[in-house]
Amino acid sequence: FPMLHVASPSFYSQVRTRLRECDLVVVE
């Protein structure tokens, strides 16, 4: 997931939804 430190709220919401489908998250 290529991230920008500032974005629209909907972008972070879309990322969060897809992270629910993952088994492990490696985060910066």
PDB file of all heavy atoms in Angstrom:
ATOM      1  N   PHE A   1       0.851  -1.192   0.000  1.00  0.00           N
ATOM      2  CA  PHE A   1       0.000   0.000   0.000  1.00  0.00           C
ATOM      3  C   PHE A   1       0.889   1.245   0.000  1.00  0.00           C
ATOM      4  O   PHE A   1       1.420   1.636   1.047  1.00  0.00           O
ATOM      5  CB  PHE A   1      -0.901   0.013   1.235  1.00  0.00           C
ATOM      6  CG  PHE A   1      -1.986  -1.019   1.234  1.00  0.00           C
ATOM      7  CD1 PHE A   1      -1.720  -2.320   1.643  1.00  0.00           C
ATOM      8  CD2 PHE A   1      -3.278  -0.700   0.831  1.00  0.00           C
ATOM      9  CE1 PHE A   1      -2.713  -3.286   1.649  1.00  0.00           C
ATOM     10  CE2 PHE A   1      -4.285  -1.662   0.833  1.00  0.00           C
ATOM     11  CZ  PHE A   1      -4.004  -2.961   1.244  1.00  0.00           C
ATOM     12  N   PRO A   2       1.095   1.890  -1.170  1.00  0.00           N
ATOM     13  CA  PRO A   2       1.884   3.128  -1.205  1.00  0.00           C
ATOM     14  C   PRO A   2       1.082   4.275  -0.579  1.00  0.00           C
ATOM     15  O   PRO A   2      -0.005   4.610  -1.042  1.00  0.00           O
ATOM     16  CB  PRO A   2       2.113   3.362  -2.700  1.00  0.00           C
ATOM     17  CG  PRO A   2       1.784   2.056  -3.364  1.00  0.00           C
ATOM     18  CD  PRO A   2       0.720   1.454  -2.515  1.00  0.00           C
ATOM     19  N   MET A   3       1.633   4.870   0.466  1.00  0.00           N
ATOM     20  CA  MET A   3       0.889   5.862   1.228  1.00  0.00           C
ATOM     21  C   MET A   3       1.438   7.270   1.012  1.00  0.00           C
ATOM     22  O   MET A   3       2.623   7.456   0.732  1.00  0.00           O
ATOM     23  CB  MET A   3       0.959   5.524   2.722  1.00  0.00           C
ATOM     24  CG  MET A   3       0.455   4.128   3.082  1.00  0.00           C
ATOM     25  SD  MET A   3      -1.280   3.856   2.651  1.00  0.00           S
ATOM     26  CE  MET A   3      -2.080   5.034   3.747  1.00  0.00           C
ATOM     27  N   LEU A   4       0.541   8.253   1.164  1.00  0.00           N
ATOM     28  CA  LEU A   4       0.922   9.651   1.298  1.00  0.00           C
ATOM     29  C   LEU A   4       0.519  10.078   2.695  1.00  0.00           C
ATOM     30  O   LEU A   4      -0.531   9.673   3.205  1.00  0.00           O
ATOM     31  CB  LEU A   4       0.227  10.521   0.253  1.00  0.00           C
ATOM     32  CG  LEU A   4       0.626  10.262  -1.211  1.00  0.00           C
ATOM     33  CD1 LEU A   4      -0.080  11.252  -2.121  1.00  0.00           C
ATOM     34  CD2 LEU A   4       2.129  10.368  -1.405  1.00  0.00           C
ATOM     35  N   HIS A   5       1.342  10.903   3.327  1.00  0.00           N
ATOM     36  CA  HIS A   5       1.092  11.271   4.721  1.00  0.00           C
ATOM     37  C   HIS A   5      -0.092  12.208   4.884  1.00  0.00           C
ATOM     38  O   HIS A   5      -0.595  12.388   5.994  1.00  0.00           O
ATOM     39  CB  HIS A   5       2.340  11.906   5.321  1.00  0.00           C
ATOM     40  CG  HIS A   5       3.473  10.945   5.488  1.00  0.00           C
ATOM     41  ND1 HIS A   5       3.389   9.832   6.289  1.00  0.00           N
ATOM     42  CD2 HIS A   5       4.719  10.918   4.953  1.00  0.00           C
ATOM     43  CE1 HIS A   5       4.521   9.165   6.256  1.00  0.00           C
ATOM     44  NE2 HIS A   5       5.351   9.796   5.445  1.00  0.00           N
ATOM     45  N   VAL A   6      -0.544  12.809   3.777  1.00  0.00           N
ATOM     46  CA  VAL A   6      -1.742  13.640   3.776  1.00  0.00           C
ATOM     47  C   VAL A   6      -2.594  13.217   2.587  1.00  0.00           C
ATOM     48  O   VAL A   6      -2.081  13.057   1.478  1.00  0.00           O
ATOM     49  CB  VAL A   6      -1.387  15.144   3.663  1.00  0.00           C
ATOM     50  CG1 VAL A   6      -2.651  15.986   3.552  1.00  0.00           C
ATOM     51  CG2 VAL A   6      -0.555  15.591   4.854  1.00  0.00           C
ATOM     52  N   ALA A   7      -3.897  13.022   2.818  1.00  0.00           N
ATOM     53  CA  ALA A   7      -4.788  12.573   1.747  1.00  0.00           C
ATOM     54  C   ALA A   7      -6.220  12.875   2.138  1.00  0.00           C
ATOM     55  O   ALA A   7      -6.505  13.384   3.233  1.00  0.00           O
ATOM     56  CB  ALA A   7      -4.602  11.078   1.484  1.00  0.00           C
ATOM     57  N   SER A   8      -7.152  12.539   1.247  1.00  0.00           N
ATOM     58  CA  SER A   8      -8.563  12.699   1.580  1.00  0.00           C
ATOM     59  C   SER A   8      -8.981  11.604   2.563  1.00  0.00           C
ATOM     60  O   SER A   8      -8.406  10.504   2.570  1.00  0.00           O
ATOM     61  CB  SER A   8      -9.412  12.593   0.310  1.00  0.00           C
ATOM     62  OG  SER A   8      -9.327  11.277  -0.224  1.00  0.00           O
ATOM     63  N   PRO A   9      -9.965  11.861   3.416  1.00  0.00           N
ATOM     64  CA  PRO A   9     -10.436  10.832   4.349  1.00  0.00           C
ATOM     65  C   PRO A   9     -10.871   9.550   3.659  1.00  0.00           C
ATOM     66  O   PRO A   9     -10.679   8.456   4.200  1.00  0.00           O
ATOM     67  CB  PRO A   9     -11.614  11.519   5.055  1.00  0.00           C
ATOM     68  CG  PRO A   9     -11.333  12.989   4.943  1.00  0.00           C
ATOM     69  CD  PRO A   9     -10.650  13.155   3.616  1.00  0.00           C
ATOM     70  N   SER A  10     -11.431   9.667   2.456  1.00  0.00           N
ATOM     71  CA  SER A  10     -11.919   8.475   1.759  1.00  0.00           C
ATOM     72  C   SER A  10     -10.772   7.533   1.389  1.00  0.00           C
ATOM     73  O   SER A  10     -10.958   6.312   1.340  1.00  0.00           O
ATOM     74  CB  SER A  10     -12.701   8.866   0.500  1.00  0.00           C
ATOM     75  OG  SER A  10     -11.863   9.553  -0.419  1.00  0.00           O
ATOM     76  N   PHE A  11      -9.575   8.090   1.124  1.00  0.00           N
ATOM     77  CA  PHE A  11      -8.439   7.229   0.798  1.00  0.00           C
ATOM     78  C   PHE A  11      -8.078   6.351   1.985  1.00  0.00           C
ATOM     79  O   PHE A  11      -7.913   5.139   1.852  1.00  0.00           O
ATOM     80  CB  PHE A  11      -7.236   8.087   0.390  1.00  0.00           C
ATOM     81  CG  PHE A  11      -5.960   7.319   0.220  1.00  0.00           C
ATOM     82  CD1 PHE A  11      -5.821   6.387  -0.799  1.00  0.00           C
ATOM     83  CD2 PHE A  11      -4.884   7.515   1.082  1.00  0.00           C
ATOM     84  CE1 PHE A  11      -4.647   5.662  -0.957  1.00  0.00           C
ATOM     85  CE2 PHE A  11      -3.710   6.808   0.923  1.00  0.00           C
ATOM     86  CZ  PHE A  11      -3.588   5.882  -0.097  1.00  0.00           C
ATOM     87  N   TYR A  12      -7.968   6.945   3.164  1.00  0.00           N
ATOM     88  CA  TYR A  12      -7.630   6.157   4.344  1.00  0.00           C
ATOM     89  C   TYR A  12      -8.729   5.150   4.675  1.00  0.00           C
ATOM     90  O   TYR A  12      -8.449   4.045   5.144  1.00  0.00           O
ATOM     91  CB  TYR A  12      -7.358   7.077   5.531  1.00  0.00           C
ATOM     92  CG  TYR A  12      -6.166   7.977   5.315  1.00  0.00           C
ATOM     93  CD1 TYR A  12      -6.253   9.343   5.506  1.00  0.00           C
ATOM     94  CD2 TYR A  12      -4.946   7.457   4.906  1.00  0.00           C
ATOM     95  CE1 TYR A  12      -5.163  10.173   5.300  1.00  0.00           C
ATOM     96  CE2 TYR A  12      -3.847   8.276   4.694  1.00  0.00           C
ATOM     97  CZ  TYR A  12      -3.959   9.627   4.889  1.00  0.00           C
ATOM     98  OH  TYR A  12      -2.875  10.442   4.673  1.00  0.00           O
ATOM     99  N   SER A  13      -9.975   5.515   4.392  1.00  0.00           N
ATOM    100  CA  SER A  13     -11.076   4.588   4.616  1.00  0.00           C
ATOM    101  C   SER A  13     -10.971   3.385   3.685  1.00  0.00           C
ATOM    102  O   SER A  13     -11.194   2.236   4.098  1.00  0.00           O
ATOM    103  CB  SER A  13     -12.409   5.308   4.392  1.00  0.00           C
ATOM    104  OG  SER A  13     -13.493   4.422   4.524  1.00  0.00           O
ATOM    105  N   GLN A  14     -10.610   3.629   2.418  1.00  0.00           N
ATOM    106  CA  GLN A  14     -10.438   2.528   1.462  1.00  0.00           C
ATOM    107  C   GLN A  14      -9.294   1.603   1.878  1.00  0.00           C
ATOM    108  O   GLN A  14      -9.403   0.376   1.768  1.00  0.00           O
ATOM    109  CB  GLN A  14     -10.157   3.097   0.072  1.00  0.00           C
ATOM    110  CG  GLN A  14     -11.318   3.816  -0.571  1.00  0.00           C
ATOM    111  CD  GLN A  14     -10.931   4.379  -1.926  1.00  0.00           C
ATOM    112  OE1 GLN A  14     -10.905   3.671  -2.932  1.00  0.00           O
ATOM    113  NE2 GLN A  14     -10.600   5.659  -1.956  1.00  0.00           N
ATOM    114  N   VAL A  15      -8.197   2.196   2.350  1.00  0.00           N
ATOM    115  CA  VAL A  15      -7.069   1.377   2.792  1.00  0.00           C
ATOM    116  C   VAL A  15      -7.477   0.529   3.990  1.00  0.00           C
ATOM    117  O   VAL A  15      -7.203  -0.674   4.041  1.00  0.00           O
ATOM    118  CB  VAL A  15      -5.860   2.268   3.145  1.00  0.00           C
ATOM    119  CG1 VAL A  15      -4.751   1.437   3.785  1.00  0.00           C
ATOM    120  CG2 VAL A  15      -5.334   2.970   1.895  1.00  0.00           C
ATOM    121  N   ARG A  16      -8.149   1.127   4.951  1.00  0.00           N
ATOM    122  CA  ARG A  16      -8.577   0.402   6.146  1.00  0.00           C
ATOM    123  C   ARG A  16      -9.469  -0.782   5.778  1.00  0.00           C
ATOM    124  O   ARG A  16      -9.310  -1.884   6.322  1.00  0.00           O
ATOM    125  CB  ARG A  16      -9.317   1.351   7.086  1.00  0.00           C
ATOM    126  CG  ARG A  16      -9.741   0.718   8.413  1.00  0.00           C
ATOM    127  CD  ARG A  16     -10.533   1.719   9.251  1.00  0.00           C
ATOM    128  NE  ARG A  16     -10.976   1.143  10.508  1.00  0.00           N
ATOM    129  CZ  ARG A  16     -10.304   1.230  11.647  1.00  0.00           C
ATOM    130  NH1 ARG A  16      -9.158   1.879  11.683  1.00  0.00           N
ATOM    131  NH2 ARG A  16     -10.774   0.684  12.748  1.00  0.00           N
ATOM    132  N   THR A  17     -10.394  -0.569   4.853  1.00  0.00           N
ATOM    133  CA  THR A  17     -11.285  -1.648   4.421  1.00  0.00           C
ATOM    134  C   THR A  17     -10.491  -2.821   3.859  1.00  0.00           C
ATOM    135  O   THR A  17     -10.776  -3.989   4.164  1.00  0.00           O
ATOM    136  CB  THR A  17     -12.274  -1.131   3.363  1.00  0.00           C
ATOM    137  OG1 THR A  17     -13.104  -0.122   3.956  1.00  0.00           O
ATOM    138  CG2 THR A  17     -13.142  -2.253   2.820  1.00  0.00           C
ATOM    139  N   ARG A  18      -9.479  -2.536   3.066  1.00  0.00           N
ATOM    140  CA  ARG A  18      -8.677  -3.608   2.458  1.00  0.00           C
ATOM    141  C   ARG A  18      -7.747  -4.278   3.472  1.00  0.00           C
ATOM    142  O   ARG A  18      -7.439  -5.458   3.344  1.00  0.00           O
ATOM    143  CB  ARG A  18      -7.895  -3.044   1.272  1.00  0.00           C
ATOM    144  CG  ARG A  18      -8.809  -2.837   0.057  1.00  0.00           C
ATOM    145  CD  ARG A  18      -8.294  -1.769  -0.893  1.00  0.00           C
ATOM    146  NE  ARG A  18      -9.215  -1.611  -2.019  1.00  0.00           N
ATOM    147  CZ  ARG A  18     -10.368  -0.915  -1.935  1.00  0.00           C
ATOM    148  NH1 ARG A  18     -10.713  -0.331  -0.801  1.00  0.00           N
ATOM    149  NH2 ARG A  18     -11.162  -0.826  -2.996  1.00  0.00           N
ATOM    150  N   LEU A  19      -7.319  -3.536   4.479  1.00  0.00           N
ATOM    151  CA  LEU A  19      -6.466  -4.137   5.511  1.00  0.00           C
ATOM    152  C   LEU A  19      -7.236  -5.167   6.336  1.00  0.00           C
ATOM    153  O   LEU A  19      -6.638  -6.096   6.885  1.00  0.00           O
ATOM    154  CB  LEU A  19      -5.890  -3.055   6.419  1.00  0.00           C
ATOM    155  CG  LEU A  19      -4.861  -2.114   5.780  1.00  0.00           C
ATOM    156  CD1 LEU A  19      -4.360  -1.103   6.809  1.00  0.00           C
ATOM    157  CD2 LEU A  19      -3.699  -2.883   5.179  1.00  0.00           C
ATOM    158  N   ARG A  20      -8.550  -5.023   6.416  1.00  0.00           N
ATOM    159  CA  ARG A  20      -9.354  -6.013   7.139  1.00  0.00           C
ATOM    160  C   ARG A  20      -9.257  -7.396   6.491  1.00  0.00           C
ATOM    161  O   ARG A  20      -9.501  -8.412   7.139  1.00  0.00           O
ATOM    162  CB  ARG A  20     -10.822  -5.575   7.182  1.00  0.00           C
ATOM    163  CG  ARG A  20     -11.099  -4.363   8.054  1.00  0.00           C
ATOM    164  CD  ARG A  20     -12.588  -4.233   8.334  1.00  0.00           C
ATOM    165  NE  ARG A  20     -12.884  -2.986   9.036  1.00  0.00           N
ATOM    166  CZ  ARG A  20     -13.410  -1.908   8.467  1.00  0.00           C
ATOM    167  NH1 ARG A  20     -13.695  -1.931   7.170  1.00  0.00           N
ATOM    168  NH2 ARG A  20     -13.648  -0.825   9.181  1.00  0.00           N
ATOM    169  N   GLU A  21      -8.937  -7.408   5.196  1.00  0.00           N
ATOM    170  CA  GLU A  21      -8.850  -8.673   4.462  1.00  0.00           C
ATOM    171  C   GLU A  21      -7.471  -9.309   4.571  1.00  0.00           C
ATOM    172  O   GLU A  21      -7.233 -10.376   4.004  1.00  0.00           O
ATOM    173  CB  GLU A  21      -9.195  -8.430   2.986  1.00  0.00           C
ATOM    174  CG  GLU A  21     -10.581  -7.821   2.770  1.00  0.00           C
ATOM    175  CD  GLU A  21     -10.808  -7.383   1.333  1.00  0.00           C
ATOM    176  OE1 GLU A  21      -9.850  -7.491   0.526  1.00  0.00           O
ATOM    177  OE2 GLU A  21     -11.923  -6.942   1.014  1.00  0.00           O
ATOM    178  N   CYS A  22      -6.553  -8.657   5.280  1.00  0.00           N
ATOM    179  CA  CYS A  22      -5.184  -9.160   5.409  1.00  0.00           C
ATOM    180  C   CYS A  22      -4.998  -9.872   6.753  1.00  0.00           C
ATOM    181  O   CYS A  22      -5.760  -9.664   7.701  1.00  0.00           O
ATOM    182  CB  CYS A  22      -4.187  -8.011   5.272  1.00  0.00           C
ATOM    183  SG  CYS A  22      -4.218  -7.217   3.634  1.00  0.00           S
ATOM    184  N   ASP A  23      -3.979 -10.715   6.818  1.00  0.00           N
ATOM    185  CA  ASP A  23      -3.716 -11.509   8.015  1.00  0.00           C
ATOM    186  C   ASP A  23      -2.632 -10.898   8.893  1.00  0.00           C
ATOM    187  O   ASP A  23      -2.492 -11.272  10.063  1.00  0.00           O
ATOM    188  CB  ASP A  23      -3.294 -12.928   7.601  1.00  0.00           C
ATOM    189  CG  ASP A  23      -4.353 -13.612   6.752  1.00  0.00           C
ATOM    190  OD1 ASP A  23      -5.349 -14.084   7.321  1.00  0.00           O
ATOM    191  OD2 ASP A  23      -4.186 -13.652   5.504  1.00  0.00           O
ATOM    192  N   LEU A  24      -1.854  -9.978   8.334  1.00  0.00           N
ATOM    193  CA  LEU A  24      -0.773  -9.323   9.068  1.00  0.00           C
ATOM    194  C   LEU A  24      -0.498  -7.993   8.391  1.00  0.00           C
ATOM    195  O   LEU A  24      -0.528  -7.901   7.160  1.00  0.00           O
ATOM    196  CB  LEU A  24       0.485 -10.201   9.051  1.00  0.00           C
ATOM    197  CG  LEU A  24       1.753  -9.639   9.710  1.00  0.00           C
ATOM    198  CD1 LEU A  24       1.551  -9.485  11.218  1.00  0.00           C
ATOM    199  CD2 LEU A  24       2.947 -10.556   9.429  1.00  0.00           C
ATOM    200  N   VAL A  25      -0.229  -6.969   9.192  1.00  0.00           N
ATOM    201  CA  VAL A  25       0.088  -5.646   8.645  1.00  0.00           C
ATOM    202  C   VAL A  25       1.479  -5.245   9.112  1.00  0.00           C
ATOM    203  O   VAL A  25       1.774  -5.261  10.310  1.00  0.00           O
ATOM    204  CB  VAL A  25      -0.936  -4.587   9.099  1.00  0.00           C
ATOM    205  CG1 VAL A  25      -0.533  -3.202   8.578  1.00  0.00           C
ATOM    206  CG2 VAL A  25      -2.336  -4.946   8.612  1.00  0.00           C
ATOM    207  N   VAL A  26       2.329  -4.887   8.157  1.00  0.00           N
ATOM    208  CA  VAL A  26       3.660  -4.356   8.444  1.00  0.00           C
ATOM    209  C   VAL A  26       3.582  -2.856   8.176  1.00  0.00           C
ATOM    210  O   VAL A  26       3.348  -2.434   7.046  1.00  0.00           O
ATOM    211  CB  VAL A  26       4.740  -5.012   7.569  1.00  0.00           C
ATOM    212  CG1 VAL A  26       6.122  -4.492   7.955  1.00  0.00           C
ATOM    213  CG2 VAL A  26       4.679  -6.527   7.693  1.00  0.00           C
ATOM    214  N   VAL A  27       3.756  -2.050   9.227  1.00  0.00           N
ATOM    215  CA  VAL A  27       3.453  -0.629   9.110  1.00  0.00           C
ATOM    216  C   VAL A  27       4.690   0.233   9.368  1.00  0.00           C
ATOM    217  O   VAL A  27       5.545  -0.105  10.187  1.00  0.00           O
ATOM    218  CB  VAL A  27       2.305  -0.257  10.075  1.00  0.00           C
ATOM    219  CG1 VAL A  27       2.747  -0.383  11.528  1.00  0.00           C
ATOM    220  CG2 VAL A  27       1.779   1.142   9.810  1.00  0.00           C
ATOM    221  N   GLU A  28       4.742   1.335   8.651  1.00  0.00           N
ATOM    222  CA  GLU A  28       5.800   2.332   8.813  1.00  0.00           C
ATOM    223  C   GLU A  28       5.528   3.186  10.050  1.00  0.00           C
ATOM    224  O   GLU A  28       4.383   3.404  10.438  1.00  0.00           O
ATOM    225  CB  GLU A  28       5.825   3.233   7.578  1.00  0.00           C
ATOM    226  CG  GLU A  28       6.780   4.404   7.645  1.00  0.00           C
ATOM    227  CD  GLU A  28       6.638   5.326   6.437  1.00  0.00           C
ATOM    228  OE1 GLU A  28       5.576   5.302   5.781  1.00  0.00           O
ATOM    229  OE2 GLU A  28       7.579   6.072   6.177  1.00  0.00           O
TER     230      GLU A  28
END
